[in-house]
Amino acid sequence: MSSERTVYIDATDQIAGRLASKVAKLLLSGKRVVVVNSEKALISGSRNSVLTQWKEKLEISSRVNPIYGPIHPRRPDNIFKRMVRGMVPRKKPKGAAAMKNLRVYVGVPEDVKGSEMTLIPDTAATRPVPVYVTMHELSKNLGWSG
């Protein structure tokens, strides 16, 4: 992995949707993106509506056999990866190649600890952090045991 093409991003106190759109843009421009601390990303909206909307999404499944239905991510890193996937043309070769360059982690892995993190100013939370729902809290409510 060439380091000049790799962008390291810390998702702590960043709005998840805004961050996902910036990450998608970086991926489509040919960069490798490593996102750490995905469980500390924030989701805006009232706590009750955010949690009920995500729980309603879990009820969507196949009537014939639930294994066929949409697979719903519950871990924070997989939820964030799915957010980015929705912003990339994944069925085209360009989008498929871009998604291979994305790595999302819960916490900070050992091999990334010394790297310099890029700060994207547009994605920072504008209100106090307790107003938002963290990805960790969302994942816990969806059944993640981490």
N, C-alpha and C. Protein backbone atom coordinates (compact mmCIF):
# COMPACT_ATOMS: atom_id res chain seq x y z
N MET A 1 0.85 -1.17 0.00
CA MET A 1 0.00 0.00 0.00
C MET A 1 0.89 1.23 0.00
N SER A 2 0.81 2.03 -1.04
CA SER A 2 1.63 3.24 -1.08
C SER A 2 1.02 4.30 -0.18
N SER A 3 1.85 4.89 0.67
CA SER A 3 1.33 5.79 1.69
C SER A 3 0.85 7.12 1.14
N GLU A 4 1.37 7.58 -0.01
CA GLU A 4 0.90 8.86 -0.54
C GLU A 4 -0.50 8.77 -1.11
N ARG A 5 -0.93 7.58 -1.47
CA ARG A 5 -2.29 7.39 -1.98
C ARG A 5 -3.27 7.03 -0.87
N THR A 6 -2.77 6.75 0.33
CA THR A 6 -3.63 6.31 1.43
C THR A 6 -4.00 7.50 2.32
N VAL A 7 -5.29 7.61 2.60
CA VAL A 7 -5.80 8.67 3.47
C VAL A 7 -6.33 8.00 4.73
N TYR A 8 -5.82 8.43 5.89
CA TYR A 8 -6.27 7.90 7.17
C TYR A 8 -7.21 8.91 7.80
N ILE A 9 -8.41 8.47 8.18
CA ILE A 9 -9.42 9.37 8.73
C ILE A 9 -9.90 8.82 10.07
N ASP A 10 -9.96 9.71 11.05
CA ASP A 10 -10.50 9.36 12.37
C ASP A 10 -11.96 9.82 12.40
N ALA A 11 -12.88 8.89 12.63
CA ALA A 11 -14.32 9.21 12.59
C ALA A 11 -14.84 9.75 13.92
N THR A 12 -13.98 9.99 14.89
CA THR A 12 -14.43 10.47 16.19
C THR A 12 -15.10 11.83 16.06
N ASP A 13 -16.32 11.93 16.57
CA ASP A 13 -17.12 13.17 16.58
C ASP A 13 -17.35 13.75 15.18
N GLN A 14 -17.46 12.88 14.18
CA GLN A 14 -17.77 13.30 12.81
C GLN A 14 -19.18 12.80 12.47
N ILE A 15 -19.93 13.58 11.69
CA ILE A 15 -21.26 13.16 11.26
C ILE A 15 -21.08 12.05 10.23
N ALA A 16 -21.69 10.89 10.46
CA ALA A 16 -21.43 9.69 9.65
C ALA A 16 -21.81 9.88 8.18
N GLY A 17 -22.97 10.45 7.90
CA GLY A 17 -23.40 10.61 6.51
C GLY A 17 -22.51 11.55 5.73
N ARG A 18 -22.14 12.67 6.33
CA ARG A 18 -21.24 13.62 5.66
C ARG A 18 -19.88 13.00 5.42
N LEU A 19 -19.39 12.28 6.44
CA LEU A 19 -18.09 11.63 6.31
C LEU A 19 -18.13 10.56 5.22
N ALA A 20 -19.23 9.81 5.15
CA ALA A 20 -19.36 8.76 4.14
C ALA A 20 -19.33 9.35 2.73
N SER A 21 -19.96 10.51 2.53
CA SER A 21 -19.95 11.11 1.20
C SER A 21 -18.55 11.59 0.82
N LYS A 22 -17.80 12.14 1.77
CA LYS A 22 -16.42 12.57 1.50
C LYS A 22 -15.52 11.37 1.22
N VAL A 23 -15.73 10.29 1.97
CA VAL A 23 -14.95 9.07 1.76
C VAL A 23 -15.25 8.49 0.38
N ALA A 24 -16.52 8.48 -0.02
CA ALA A 24 -16.90 7.97 -1.34
C ALA A 24 -16.21 8.78 -2.44
N LYS A 25 -16.16 10.09 -2.28
CA LYS A 25 -15.51 10.95 -3.27
C LYS A 25 -14.02 10.65 -3.36
N LEU A 26 -13.38 10.45 -2.20
CA LEU A 26 -11.95 10.11 -2.19
C LEU A 26 -11.70 8.77 -2.87
N LEU A 27 -12.57 7.79 -2.60
CA LEU A 27 -12.41 6.46 -3.20
C LEU A 27 -12.54 6.53 -4.72
N LEU A 28 -13.51 7.29 -5.19
CA LEU A 28 -13.73 7.39 -6.63
C LEU A 28 -12.61 8.17 -7.33
N SER A 29 -11.88 8.97 -6.57
CA SER A 29 -10.75 9.69 -7.17
C SER A 29 -9.47 8.84 -7.16
N GLY A 30 -9.55 7.59 -6.68
CA GLY A 30 -8.42 6.68 -6.76
C GLY A 30 -7.61 6.54 -5.49
N LYS A 31 -8.04 7.11 -4.39
CA LYS A 31 -7.30 7.02 -3.13
C LYS A 31 -7.71 5.75 -2.38
N ARG A 32 -6.80 5.30 -1.50
CA ARG A 32 -7.14 4.27 -0.53
C ARG A 32 -7.54 4.99 0.74
N VAL A 33 -8.62 4.56 1.36
CA VAL A 33 -9.11 5.25 2.56
C VAL A 33 -9.20 4.25 3.71
N VAL A 34 -8.63 4.64 4.86
CA VAL A 34 -8.71 3.85 6.08
C VAL A 34 -9.43 4.71 7.10
N VAL A 35 -10.59 4.24 7.57
CA VAL A 35 -11.37 4.96 8.58
C VAL A 35 -11.25 4.20 9.89
N VAL A 36 -10.82 4.91 10.94
CA VAL A 36 -10.68 4.28 12.26
C VAL A 36 -11.69 4.90 13.23
N ASN A 37 -11.92 4.23 14.34
CA ASN A 37 -12.89 4.66 15.36
C ASN A 37 -14.28 4.86 14.78
N SER A 38 -14.74 3.94 13.97
CA SER A 38 -16.06 4.08 13.34
C SER A 38 -17.18 4.05 14.37
N GLU A 39 -16.94 3.46 15.54
CA GLU A 39 -17.99 3.41 16.56
C GLU A 39 -18.22 4.77 17.21
N LYS A 40 -17.32 5.73 16.99
CA LYS A 40 -17.46 7.06 17.58
C LYS A 40 -18.05 8.07 16.60
N ALA A 41 -18.42 7.62 15.40
CA ALA A 41 -19.08 8.50 14.44
C ALA A 41 -20.48 8.82 14.95
N LEU A 42 -21.02 9.95 14.52
CA LEU A 42 -22.30 10.43 15.05
C LEU A 42 -23.37 10.40 13.97
N ILE A 43 -24.61 10.17 14.41
CA ILE A 43 -25.77 10.22 13.52
C ILE A 43 -26.68 11.31 14.04
N SER A 44 -27.06 12.25 13.17
CA SER A 44 -27.89 13.36 13.62
C SER A 44 -29.36 12.98 13.58
N GLY A 45 -30.16 13.68 14.34
CA GLY A 45 -31.58 13.41 14.42
C GLY A 45 -31.96 13.10 15.86
N SER A 46 -33.25 13.11 16.13
CA SER A 46 -33.67 12.80 17.50
C SER A 46 -33.40 11.33 17.80
N ARG A 47 -32.99 11.07 19.00
CA ARG A 47 -32.56 9.73 19.41
C ARG A 47 -33.65 8.69 19.14
N ASN A 48 -34.89 8.99 19.52
CA ASN A 48 -35.97 8.02 19.33
C ASN A 48 -36.22 7.72 17.86
N SER A 49 -36.25 8.75 17.01
CA SER A 49 -36.55 8.51 15.60
C SER A 49 -35.41 7.74 14.91
N VAL A 50 -34.17 8.05 15.25
CA VAL A 50 -33.04 7.34 14.65
C VAL A 50 -33.10 5.86 15.01
N LEU A 51 -33.29 5.56 16.28
CA LEU A 51 -33.29 4.16 16.72
C LEU A 51 -34.50 3.40 16.18
N THR A 52 -35.69 4.03 16.14
CA THR A 52 -36.86 3.32 15.63
C THR A 52 -36.76 3.10 14.12
N GLN A 53 -36.21 4.06 13.39
CA GLN A 53 -36.06 3.87 11.93
C GLN A 53 -35.12 2.71 11.63
N TRP A 54 -34.00 2.61 12.36
CA TRP A 54 -33.07 1.52 12.11
C TRP A 54 -33.68 0.18 12.54
N LYS A 55 -34.47 0.16 13.61
CA LYS A 55 -35.10 -1.10 14.02
C LYS A 55 -36.17 -1.53 13.03
N GLU A 56 -36.89 -0.57 12.44
CA GLU A 56 -37.87 -0.89 11.40
C GLU A 56 -37.18 -1.48 10.18
N LYS A 57 -35.99 -0.98 9.88
CA LYS A 57 -35.24 -1.48 8.74
C LYS A 57 -34.88 -2.95 8.93
N LEU A 58 -34.68 -3.37 10.19
CA LEU A 58 -34.33 -4.77 10.47
C LEU A 58 -35.50 -5.71 10.19
N GLU A 59 -36.73 -5.20 10.21
CA GLU A 59 -37.89 -6.05 10.01
C GLU A 59 -38.09 -6.42 8.54
N ILE A 60 -37.41 -5.74 7.63
CA ILE A 60 -37.54 -6.04 6.20
C ILE A 60 -36.75 -7.31 5.91
N SER A 61 -37.44 -8.34 5.45
CA SER A 61 -36.78 -9.60 5.11
C SER A 61 -37.63 -10.34 4.10
N SER A 62 -37.12 -11.45 3.65
CA SER A 62 -37.83 -12.28 2.69
C SER A 62 -38.86 -13.14 3.42
N ARG A 63 -40.05 -13.27 2.83
CA ARG A 63 -41.06 -14.12 3.45
C ARG A 63 -40.75 -15.60 3.25
N VAL A 64 -40.12 -15.91 2.14
CA VAL A 64 -39.82 -17.30 1.82
C VAL A 64 -38.75 -17.85 2.76
N ASN A 65 -37.62 -17.14 2.81
CA ASN A 65 -36.52 -17.57 3.64
C ASN A 65 -35.69 -16.34 4.01
N PRO A 66 -35.59 -16.03 5.28
CA PRO A 66 -34.89 -14.80 5.67
C PRO A 66 -33.43 -14.73 5.21
N ILE A 67 -32.82 -15.88 4.91
CA ILE A 67 -31.42 -15.87 4.45
C ILE A 67 -31.30 -15.18 3.09
N TYR A 68 -32.40 -15.16 2.31
CA TYR A 68 -32.37 -14.51 1.00
C TYR A 68 -32.43 -13.00 1.12
N GLY A 69 -33.11 -12.54 2.15
CA GLY A 69 -33.45 -11.13 2.26
C GLY A 69 -32.25 -10.22 2.39
N PRO A 70 -32.49 -8.94 2.52
CA PRO A 70 -31.36 -8.04 2.70
C PRO A 70 -30.65 -8.34 4.01
N ILE A 71 -29.33 -8.38 3.94
CA ILE A 71 -28.53 -8.63 5.12
C ILE A 71 -28.28 -7.28 5.79
N HIS A 72 -28.68 -7.14 7.04
CA HIS A 72 -28.59 -5.86 7.73
C HIS A 72 -27.36 -5.83 8.62
N PRO A 73 -26.43 -4.90 8.36
CA PRO A 73 -25.24 -4.84 9.22
C PRO A 73 -25.60 -4.30 10.60
N ARG A 74 -24.90 -4.82 11.62
CA ARG A 74 -25.14 -4.37 12.98
C ARG A 74 -23.89 -3.80 13.64
N ARG A 75 -22.72 -4.17 13.14
CA ARG A 75 -21.47 -3.63 13.68
C ARG A 75 -21.22 -2.24 13.12
N PRO A 76 -20.62 -1.34 13.91
CA PRO A 76 -20.41 0.04 13.45
C PRO A 76 -19.58 0.13 12.17
N ASP A 77 -18.53 -0.70 12.05
CA ASP A 77 -17.70 -0.63 10.85
C ASP A 77 -18.47 -1.08 9.62
N ASN A 78 -19.31 -2.10 9.77
CA ASN A 78 -20.10 -2.57 8.63
C ASN A 78 -21.22 -1.60 8.26
N ILE A 79 -21.80 -0.93 9.27
CA ILE A 79 -22.83 0.07 8.99
C ILE A 79 -22.22 1.21 8.18
N PHE A 80 -21.02 1.67 8.60
CA PHE A 80 -20.38 2.77 7.89
C PHE A 80 -19.98 2.35 6.47
N LYS A 81 -19.48 1.12 6.34
CA LYS A 81 -19.09 0.62 5.02
C LYS A 81 -20.31 0.57 4.10
N ARG A 82 -21.45 0.19 4.65
CA ARG A 82 -22.69 0.13 3.88
C ARG A 82 -23.15 1.53 3.47
N MET A 83 -22.93 2.54 4.36
CA MET A 83 -23.27 3.92 4.01
C MET A 83 -22.45 4.38 2.81
N VAL A 84 -21.16 4.07 2.82
CA VAL A 84 -20.29 4.46 1.72
C VAL A 84 -20.70 3.72 0.45
N ARG A 85 -21.03 2.44 0.59
CA ARG A 85 -21.42 1.63 -0.57
C ARG A 85 -22.63 2.21 -1.28
N GLY A 86 -23.54 2.82 -0.51
CA GLY A 86 -24.72 3.43 -1.10
C GLY A 86 -24.40 4.69 -1.90
N MET A 87 -23.22 5.25 -1.72
CA MET A 87 -22.83 6.48 -2.40
C MET A 87 -21.85 6.23 -3.54
N VAL A 88 -21.56 4.97 -3.82
CA VAL A 88 -20.61 4.59 -4.87
C VAL A 88 -21.36 3.73 -5.89
N PRO A 89 -21.09 3.91 -7.18
CA PRO A 89 -21.74 3.05 -8.18
C PRO A 89 -21.13 1.64 -8.17
N ARG A 90 -21.48 0.85 -7.16
CA ARG A 90 -20.80 -0.40 -6.88
C ARG A 90 -20.95 -1.47 -7.96
N LYS A 91 -21.96 -1.35 -8.83
CA LYS A 91 -22.15 -2.36 -9.86
C LYS A 91 -21.34 -2.08 -11.12
N LYS A 92 -20.74 -0.91 -11.18
CA LYS A 92 -19.85 -0.57 -12.29
C LYS A 92 -18.42 -0.90 -11.88
N PRO A 93 -17.55 -1.17 -12.85
CA PRO A 93 -16.17 -1.52 -12.50
C PRO A 93 -15.46 -0.45 -11.67
N LYS A 94 -15.72 0.81 -11.95
CA LYS A 94 -15.10 1.91 -11.21
C LYS A 94 -15.49 1.86 -9.73
N GLY A 95 -16.78 1.62 -9.46
CA GLY A 95 -17.27 1.57 -8.10
C GLY A 95 -16.80 0.33 -7.36
N ALA A 96 -16.75 -0.81 -8.05
CA ALA A 96 -16.28 -2.05 -7.42
C ALA A 96 -14.82 -1.92 -7.04
N ALA A 97 -14.02 -1.31 -7.92
CA ALA A 97 -12.60 -1.11 -7.61
C ALA A 97 -12.43 -0.13 -6.45
N ALA A 98 -13.30 0.88 -6.39
CA ALA A 98 -13.22 1.87 -5.31
C ALA A 98 -13.53 1.22 -3.97
N MET A 99 -14.52 0.36 -3.90
CA MET A 99 -14.89 -0.28 -2.63
C MET A 99 -13.80 -1.21 -2.12
N LYS A 100 -12.96 -1.73 -3.01
CA LYS A 100 -11.86 -2.58 -2.57
C LYS A 100 -10.78 -1.77 -1.86
N ASN A 101 -10.78 -0.45 -2.06
CA ASN A 101 -9.78 0.41 -1.44
C ASN A 101 -10.25 1.00 -0.11
N LEU A 102 -11.37 0.53 0.41
CA LEU A 102 -11.90 1.06 1.67
C LEU A 102 -11.66 0.07 2.81
N ARG A 103 -11.13 0.58 3.92
CA ARG A 103 -10.98 -0.20 5.13
C ARG A 103 -11.61 0.60 6.27
N VAL A 104 -12.48 -0.04 7.04
CA VAL A 104 -13.13 0.62 8.17
C VAL A 104 -12.89 -0.25 9.40
N TYR A 105 -12.48 0.39 10.50
CA TYR A 105 -12.14 -0.35 11.72
C TYR A 105 -12.89 0.20 12.92
N VAL A 106 -13.19 -0.69 13.86
CA VAL A 106 -13.67 -0.30 15.18
C VAL A 106 -12.41 -0.13 16.02
N GLY A 107 -12.20 1.06 16.58
CA GLY A 107 -10.96 1.33 17.30
C GLY A 107 -9.84 1.66 16.32
N VAL A 108 -8.61 1.61 16.82
CA VAL A 108 -7.44 1.89 15.99
C VAL A 108 -6.54 0.66 15.99
N PRO A 109 -6.35 -0.01 14.83
CA PRO A 109 -5.48 -1.18 14.79
C PRO A 109 -4.01 -0.78 14.98
N GLU A 110 -3.18 -1.75 15.35
CA GLU A 110 -1.77 -1.50 15.65
C GLU A 110 -1.01 -0.93 14.46
N ASP A 111 -1.27 -1.44 13.25
CA ASP A 111 -0.50 -1.00 12.08
C ASP A 111 -0.86 0.42 11.62
N VAL A 112 -1.94 1.00 12.15
CA VAL A 112 -2.38 2.34 11.76
C VAL A 112 -2.04 3.37 12.83
N LYS A 113 -1.65 2.92 14.03
CA LYS A 113 -1.46 3.83 15.17
C LYS A 113 -0.52 4.99 14.90
N GLY A 114 0.58 4.79 14.20
CA GLY A 114 1.55 5.85 13.99
C GLY A 114 1.21 6.79 12.85
N SER A 115 0.17 6.50 12.09
CA SER A 115 -0.15 7.28 10.90
C SER A 115 -0.77 8.63 11.26
N GLU A 116 -0.58 9.59 10.37
CA GLU A 116 -1.16 10.91 10.58
C GLU A 116 -2.59 10.92 10.05
N MET A 117 -3.52 11.32 10.90
CA MET A 117 -4.94 11.32 10.54
C MET A 117 -5.31 12.61 9.81
N THR A 118 -6.11 12.46 8.76
CA THR A 118 -6.60 13.61 8.01
C THR A 118 -7.89 14.09 8.66
N LEU A 119 -8.03 15.39 8.81
CA LEU A 119 -9.24 15.96 9.38
C LEU A 119 -10.04 16.62 8.26
N ILE A 120 -11.29 16.24 8.11
CA ILE A 120 -12.16 16.84 7.10
C ILE A 120 -13.07 17.81 7.84
N PRO A 121 -12.87 19.12 7.66
CA PRO A 121 -13.60 20.10 8.47
C PRO A 121 -15.11 20.12 8.25
N ASP A 122 -15.57 19.80 7.05
CA ASP A 122 -17.01 19.86 6.75
C ASP A 122 -17.82 18.83 7.51
N THR A 123 -17.17 17.78 7.99
CA THR A 123 -17.91 16.66 8.58
C THR A 123 -18.01 16.74 10.10
N ALA A 124 -17.39 17.73 10.72
CA ALA A 124 -17.39 17.82 12.18
C ALA A 124 -18.78 18.15 12.71
N ALA A 125 -19.06 17.67 13.91
CA ALA A 125 -20.35 17.94 14.56
C ALA A 125 -20.43 19.42 14.93
N THR A 126 -21.56 20.06 14.64
CA THR A 126 -21.71 21.48 14.93
C THR A 126 -22.36 21.72 16.29
N ARG A 127 -23.17 20.78 16.75
CA ARG A 127 -23.82 20.91 18.06
C ARG A 127 -23.04 20.09 19.08
N PRO A 128 -23.38 20.20 20.37
CA PRO A 128 -22.69 19.39 21.37
C PRO A 128 -22.89 17.89 21.09
N VAL A 129 -21.84 17.11 21.33
CA VAL A 129 -21.84 15.69 20.99
C VAL A 129 -22.99 14.89 21.64
N PRO A 130 -23.41 15.15 22.89
CA PRO A 130 -24.51 14.35 23.47
C PRO A 130 -25.85 14.48 22.73
N VAL A 131 -25.99 15.49 21.87
CA VAL A 131 -27.23 15.66 21.11
C VAL A 131 -27.37 14.54 20.07
N TYR A 132 -26.24 14.02 19.58
CA TYR A 132 -26.24 13.02 18.51
C TYR A 132 -26.30 11.59 19.06
N VAL A 133 -26.57 10.65 18.17
CA VAL A 133 -26.53 9.22 18.49
C VAL A 133 -25.21 8.68 17.95
N THR A 134 -24.44 8.00 18.77
CA THR A 134 -23.18 7.43 18.28
C THR A 134 -23.46 6.11 17.58
N MET A 135 -22.54 5.73 16.71
CA MET A 135 -22.68 4.44 16.01
C MET A 135 -22.63 3.28 17.01
N HIS A 136 -21.85 3.46 18.08
CA HIS A 136 -21.76 2.42 19.10
C HIS A 136 -23.12 2.20 19.76
N GLU A 137 -23.80 3.29 20.10
CA GLU A 137 -25.11 3.19 20.73
C GLU A 137 -26.13 2.57 19.77
N LEU A 138 -26.07 2.97 18.51
CA LEU A 138 -26.97 2.40 17.50
C LEU A 138 -26.74 0.91 17.36
N SER A 139 -25.47 0.51 17.28
CA SER A 139 -25.14 -0.91 17.11
C SER A 139 -25.60 -1.74 18.31
N LYS A 140 -25.43 -1.19 19.51
CA LYS A 140 -25.90 -1.89 20.71
C LYS A 140 -27.41 -2.12 20.66
N ASN A 141 -28.16 -1.10 20.17
CA ASN A 141 -29.61 -1.23 20.08
C ASN A 141 -30.04 -2.20 18.98
N LEU A 142 -29.18 -2.41 17.98
CA LEU A 142 -29.51 -3.34 16.89
C LEU A 142 -29.11 -4.77 17.21
N GLY A 143 -28.39 -4.96 18.33
CA GLY A 143 -28.06 -6.32 18.74
C GLY A 143 -26.59 -6.67 18.67
N TRP A 144 -25.72 -5.70 18.45
CA TRP A 144 -24.28 -5.94 18.42
C TRP A 144 -23.79 -6.12 19.84
N SER A 145 -22.96 -7.10 20.09
CA SER A 145 -22.54 -7.38 21.46
C SER A 145 -21.11 -6.93 21.74
N GLY A 146 -20.56 -6.06 20.90
CA GLY A 146 -19.15 -5.64 21.07
C GLY A 146 -18.93 -4.54 22.02
